[in-house]
PDB file of N, CA and C in Angstrom:
ATOM      1  N   LYS A   1       0.915  -1.971   0.061  1.00  0.00           N
ATOM      2  CA  LYS A   1      -0.193   0.692  -0.086  1.00  0.00           C
ATOM      3  C   LYS A   1       0.766   1.150   0.089  1.00  0.00           C
ATOM      4  N   PHE A   2       1.654   1.515   0.479  1.00  0.00           N
ATOM      5  CA  PHE A   2       2.827   2.083   1.367  1.00  0.00           C
ATOM      6  C   PHE A   2       3.383   2.482  -0.030  1.00  0.00           C
ATOM      7  N   ARG A   3       3.913   1.591  -1.003  1.00  0.00           N
ATOM      8  CA  ARG A   3       4.462   1.348  -2.021  1.00  0.00           C
ATOM      9  C   ARG A   3       3.322   2.294  -3.582  1.00  0.00           C
ATOM     10  N   ILE A   4       2.161   2.079  -3.236  1.00  0.00           N
ATOM     11  CA  ILE A   4       2.121   2.701  -4.653  1.00  0.00           C
ATOM     12  C   ILE A   4       1.675   4.212  -4.715  1.00  0.00           C
ATOM     13  N   PHE A   5       1.309   4.360  -2.889  1.00  0.00           N
ATOM     14  CA  PHE A   5       1.508   6.664  -2.250  1.00  0.00           C
ATOM     15  C   PHE A   5       2.413   6.605  -2.820  1.00  0.00           C
ATOM     16  N   ILE A   6       3.781   5.703  -2.758  1.00  0.00           N
ATOM     17  CA  ILE A   6       5.593   6.433  -3.503  1.00  0.00           C
ATOM     18  C   ILE A   6       5.337   6.657  -5.601  1.00  0.00           C
ATOM     19  N   PHE A   7       4.894   5.666  -5.397  1.00  0.00           N
ATOM     20  CA  PHE A   7       4.937   5.695  -7.270  1.00  0.00           C
ATOM     21  C   PHE A   7       4.000   6.740  -8.019  1.00  0.00           C
ATOM     22  N   ILE A   8       2.275   6.743  -7.213  1.00  0.00           N
ATOM     23  CA  ILE A   8       0.755   7.920  -7.600  1.00  0.00           C
ATOM     24  C   ILE A   8       2.299   9.152  -6.993  1.00  0.00           C
ATOM     25  N   TRP A   9       2.556   9.135  -5.900  1.00  0.00           N
ATOM     26  CA  TRP A   9       3.222  10.723  -5.937  1.00  0.00           C
ATOM     27  C   TRP A   9       4.736  11.297  -6.948  1.00  0.00           C
ATOM     28  N   ILE A  10       5.478   9.994  -6.946  1.00  0.00           N
ATOM     29  CA  ILE A  10       6.066  10.159  -8.489  1.00  0.00           C
ATOM     30  C   ILE A  10       5.950  10.308  -9.391  1.00  0.00           C
ATOM     31  N   LEU A  11       5.110   9.715  -9.698  1.00  0.00           N
ATOM     32  CA  LEU A  11       3.819   9.751 -11.483  1.00  0.00           C
ATOM     33  C   LEU A  11       3.739  11.630 -10.980  1.00  0.00           C
ATOM     34  N   ILE A  12       2.685  11.750 -10.284  1.00  0.00           N
ATOM     35  CA  ILE A  12       2.363  12.822  -9.852  1.00  0.00           C
ATOM     36  C   ILE A  12       3.481  14.192 -10.091  1.00  0.00           C
ATOM     37  N   ARG A  13       5.347  14.230  -9.304  1.00  0.00           N
ATOM     38  CA  ARG A  13       6.168  15.002  -9.614  1.00  0.00           C
ATOM     39  C   ARG A  13       6.371  15.142 -10.814  1.00  0.00           C
ATOM     40  N   VAL A  14       6.534  13.793 -11.627  1.00  0.00           N
ATOM     41  CA  VAL A  14       6.918  13.751 -13.200  1.00  0.00           C
ATOM     42  C   VAL A  14       6.021  14.497 -14.117  1.00  0.00           C
ATOM     43  N   LEU A  15       4.585  13.439 -13.909  1.00  0.00           N
ATOM     44  CA  LEU A  15       3.775  14.963 -14.842  1.00  0.00           C
ATOM     45  C   LEU A  15       4.014  16.613 -14.355  1.00  0.00           C
ATOM     46  N   PHE A  16       3.722  17.556 -13.757  1.00  0.00           N
ATOM     47  CA  PHE A  16       4.392  18.317 -13.410  1.00  0.00           C
ATOM     48  C   PHE A  16       5.646  18.765 -14.499  1.00  0.00           C
ATOM     49  N   LEU A  17       6.225  18.306 -13.451  1.00  0.00           N
ATOM     50  CA  LEU A  17       7.888  18.823 -14.354  1.00  0.00           C
ATOM     51  C   LEU A  17       7.369  19.197 -15.683  1.00  0.00           C
ATOM     52  N   PHE A  18       7.087  17.668 -15.641  1.00  0.00           N
ATOM     53  CA  PHE A  18       6.674  17.316 -17.437  1.00  0.00           C
ATOM     54  C   PHE A  18       5.692  18.385 -17.770  1.00  0.00           C
ATOM     55  N   ILE A  19       4.862  18.813 -17.482  1.00  0.00           N
ATOM     56  CA  ILE A  19       4.043  20.477 -17.522  1.00  0.00           C
ATOM     57  C   ILE A  19       4.657  21.742 -17.628  1.00  0.00           C
ATOM     58  N   SER A  20       5.401  21.878 -16.620  1.00  0.00           N
ATOM     59  CA  SER A  20       6.297  23.531 -16.539  1.00  0.00           C
ATOM     60  C   SER A  20       7.856  22.775 -17.179  1.00  0.00           C
ATOM     61  N   LEU A  21       8.006  22.288 -18.222  1.00  0.00           N
ATOM     62  CA  LEU A  21       8.468  21.500 -19.147  1.00  0.00           C
ATOM     63  C   LEU A  21       7.963  22.527 -20.430  1.00  0.00           C
ATOM     64  N   LEU A  22       6.485  21.815 -20.958  1.00  0.00           N
ATOM     65  CA  LEU A  22       6.077  21.952 -21.762  1.00  0.00           C
ATOM     66  C   LEU A  22       6.159  23.525 -21.899  1.00  0.00           C
ATOM     67  N   PHE A  23       5.898  24.181 -21.060  1.00  0.00           N
ATOM     68  CA  PHE A  23       4.490  25.737 -21.186  1.00  0.00           C
ATOM     69  C   PHE A  23       5.815  26.379 -21.231  1.00  0.00           C
ATOM     70  N   VAL A  24       6.690  25.765 -20.538  1.00  0.00           N
ATOM     71  CA  VAL A  24       8.234  27.543 -21.029  1.00  0.00           C
ATOM     72  C   VAL A  24       8.811  26.869 -22.642  1.00  0.00           C
ATOM     73  N   PHE A  25       9.407  25.452 -22.595  1.00  0.00           N
ATOM     74  CA  PHE A  25       9.192  25.967 -24.351  1.00  0.00           C
ATOM     75  C   PHE A  25       8.179  26.620 -25.474  1.00  0.00           C
ATOM     76  N   PHE A  26       6.731  26.111 -25.127  1.00  0.00           N
ATOM     77  CA  PHE A  26       5.344  26.683 -25.460  1.00  0.00           C
ATOM     78  C   PHE A  26       5.728  28.394 -25.155  1.00  0.00           C
ATOM     79  N   VAL A  27       5.712  28.688 -24.186  1.00  0.00           N
ATOM     80  CA  VAL A  27       6.337  29.954 -23.869  1.00  0.00           C
ATOM     81  C   VAL A  27       7.477  30.826 -24.834  1.00  0.00           C
ATOM     82  N   GLN A  28       8.548  30.014 -24.924  1.00  0.00           N
ATOM     83  CA  GLN A  28       9.838  30.593 -25.215  1.00  0.00           C
ATOM     84  C   GLN A  28       8.847  30.681 -26.983  1.00  0.00           C
ATOM     85  N   ILE A  29       8.584  29.771 -27.574  1.00  0.00           N
ATOM     86  CA  ILE A  29       8.232  29.320 -28.456  1.00  0.00           C
ATOM     87  C   ILE A  29       7.649  30.385 -29.458  1.00  0.00           C
ATOM     88  N   SER A  30       6.179  31.131 -28.923  1.00  0.00           N
ATOM     89  CA  SER A  30       5.476  31.713 -29.264  1.00  0.00           C
ATOM     90  C   SER A  30       6.295  33.294 -28.332  1.00  0.00           C
ATOM     91  N   GLN A  31       6.939  33.188 -28.277  1.00  0.00           N
ATOM     92  CA  GLN A  31       8.009  34.848 -27.442  1.00  0.00           C
ATOM     93  C   GLN A  31       8.690  34.672 -29.581  1.00  0.00           C
ATOM     94  N   ILE A  32       9.327  33.521 -29.845  1.00  0.00           N
ATOM     95  CA  ILE A  32      10.400  33.345 -30.986  1.00  0.00           C
ATOM     96  C   ILE A  32       9.658  34.362 -32.329  1.00  0.00           C
ATOM     97  N   TYR A  33       8.293  33.623 -32.380  1.00  0.00           N
ATOM     98  CA  TYR A  33       7.233  34.294 -33.220  1.00  0.00           C
ATOM     99  C   TYR A  33       7.138  35.230 -33.502  1.00  0.00           C
ATOM    100  N   SER A  34       6.290  36.252 -31.783  1.00  0.00           N
ATOM    101  CA  SER A  34       6.280  37.520 -32.434  1.00  0.00           C
ATOM    102  C   SER A  34       7.307  38.430 -32.572  1.00  0.00           C
ATOM    103  N   ASP A  35       8.424  38.042 -31.854  1.00  0.00           N
ATOM    104  CA  ASP A  35       9.847  38.473 -32.422  1.00  0.00           C
ATOM    105  C   ASP A  35       9.473  38.501 -33.860  1.00  0.00           C
ATOM    106  N   LYS A  36       9.664  37.653 -34.657  1.00  0.00           N
ATOM    107  CA  LYS A  36       9.731  37.394 -35.431  1.00  0.00           C
ATOM    108  C   LYS A  36       8.563  37.980 -36.932  1.00  0.00           C
ATOM    109  N   TYR A  37       7.571  38.578 -36.094  1.00  0.00           N
ATOM    110  CA  TYR A  37       6.124  38.538 -36.733  1.00  0.00           C
ATOM    111  C   TYR A  37       6.559  39.750 -36.751  1.00  0.00           C
ATOM    112  N   LYS A  38       7.309  41.143 -35.509  1.00  0.00           N
ATOM    113  CA  LYS A  38       7.029  41.722 -34.995  1.00  0.00           C
ATOM    114  C   LYS A  38       8.625  42.532 -36.076  1.00  0.00           C
ATOM    115  N   LEU A  39       9.891  42.074 -36.452  1.00  0.00           N
ATOM    116  CA  LEU A  39      10.832  42.076 -37.196  1.00  0.00           C
ATOM    117  C   LEU A  39      10.257  42.782 -39.241  1.00  0.00           C
ATOM    118  N   ASN A  40       9.182  41.521 -38.916  1.00  0.00           N
ATOM    119  CA  ASN A  40       9.377  41.743 -40.390  1.00  0.00           C
ATOM    120  C   ASN A  40       7.669  43.102 -40.625  1.00  0.00           C
ATOM    121  N   HIS A  41       7.491  43.354 -39.133  1.00  0.00           N
ATOM    122  CA  HIS A  41       6.153  44.238 -39.666  1.00  0.00           C
ATOM    123  C   HIS A  41       7.295  45.554 -39.267  1.00  0.00           C
ATOM    124  N   ILE A  42       8.515  45.748 -38.343  1.00  0.00           N
ATOM    125  CA  ILE A  42       8.541  47.094 -38.975  1.00  0.00           C
ATOM    126  C   ILE A  42       9.295  46.916 -40.170  1.00  0.00           C
ATOM    127  N   LEU A  43      10.191  45.831 -40.542  1.00  0.00           N
ATOM    128  CA  LEU A  43      10.843  45.940 -42.211  1.00  0.00           C
ATOM    129  C   LEU A  43       9.535  45.641 -43.331  1.00  0.00           C
ATOM    130  N   TYR A  44       8.379  45.608 -42.637  1.00  0.00           N
ATOM    131  CA  TYR A  44       6.971  45.929 -43.895  1.00  0.00           C
ATOM    132  C   TYR A  44       7.467  47.592 -43.463  1.00  0.00           C
ATOM    133  N   PHE A  45       6.818  48.128 -43.137  1.00  0.00           N
ATOM    134  CA  PHE A  45       6.174  49.145 -42.531  1.00  0.00           C
ATOM    135  C   PHE A  45       6.972  51.145 -42.388  1.00  0.00           C
ATOM    136  N   HIS A  46       8.738  50.618 -41.766  1.00  0.00           N
ATOM    137  CA  HIS A  46       9.829  51.280 -41.623  1.00  0.00           C
ATOM    138  C   HIS A  46       9.946  51.166 -43.565  1.00  0.00           C
ATOM    139  N   PRO A  47      10.354  52.966 -43.544  1.00  0.00           N
ATOM    140  CA  PRO A  47      10.151  53.464 -45.167  1.00  0.00           C
ATOM    141  C   PRO A  47      11.544  53.297 -45.528  1.00  0.00           C
ATOM    142  N   ASP A  48      12.538  53.044 -45.440  1.00  0.00           N
ATOM    143  CA  ASP A  48      14.048  52.543 -44.915  1.00  0.00           C
ATOM    144  C   ASP A  48      14.229  51.531 -46.434  1.00  0.00           C
ATOM    145  N   PHE A  49      13.485  50.513 -45.030  1.00  0.00           N
ATOM    146  CA  PHE A  49      13.037  48.818 -45.937  1.00  0.00           C
ATOM    147  C   PHE A  49      12.283  48.659 -47.085  1.00  0.00           C
ATOM    148  N   HIS A  50      11.264  49.502 -47.225  1.00  0.00           N
ATOM    149  CA  HIS A  50       9.898  49.241 -47.659  1.00  0.00           C
ATOM    150  C   HIS A  50      10.892  49.370 -49.816  1.00  0.00           C
ATOM    151  N   ILE A  51      10.514  48.075 -49.552  1.00  0.00           N
ATOM    152  CA  ILE A  51      10.818  47.948 -51.594  1.00  0.00           C
ATOM    153  C   ILE A  51       9.573  48.295 -52.178  1.00  0.00           C
TER     154      ILE A  51
END
């Protein structure tokens, strides 16, 4: 019974770790995409760069 409790606890810890890592990864990706979009926006709307 005690072993099952430890197993569940470890499982929950791993799950939380995985979710946090996934969240961090998602935030990084979204920031990169937003930066790219902003860069394109600036390049497109800036008169010096406008072709």
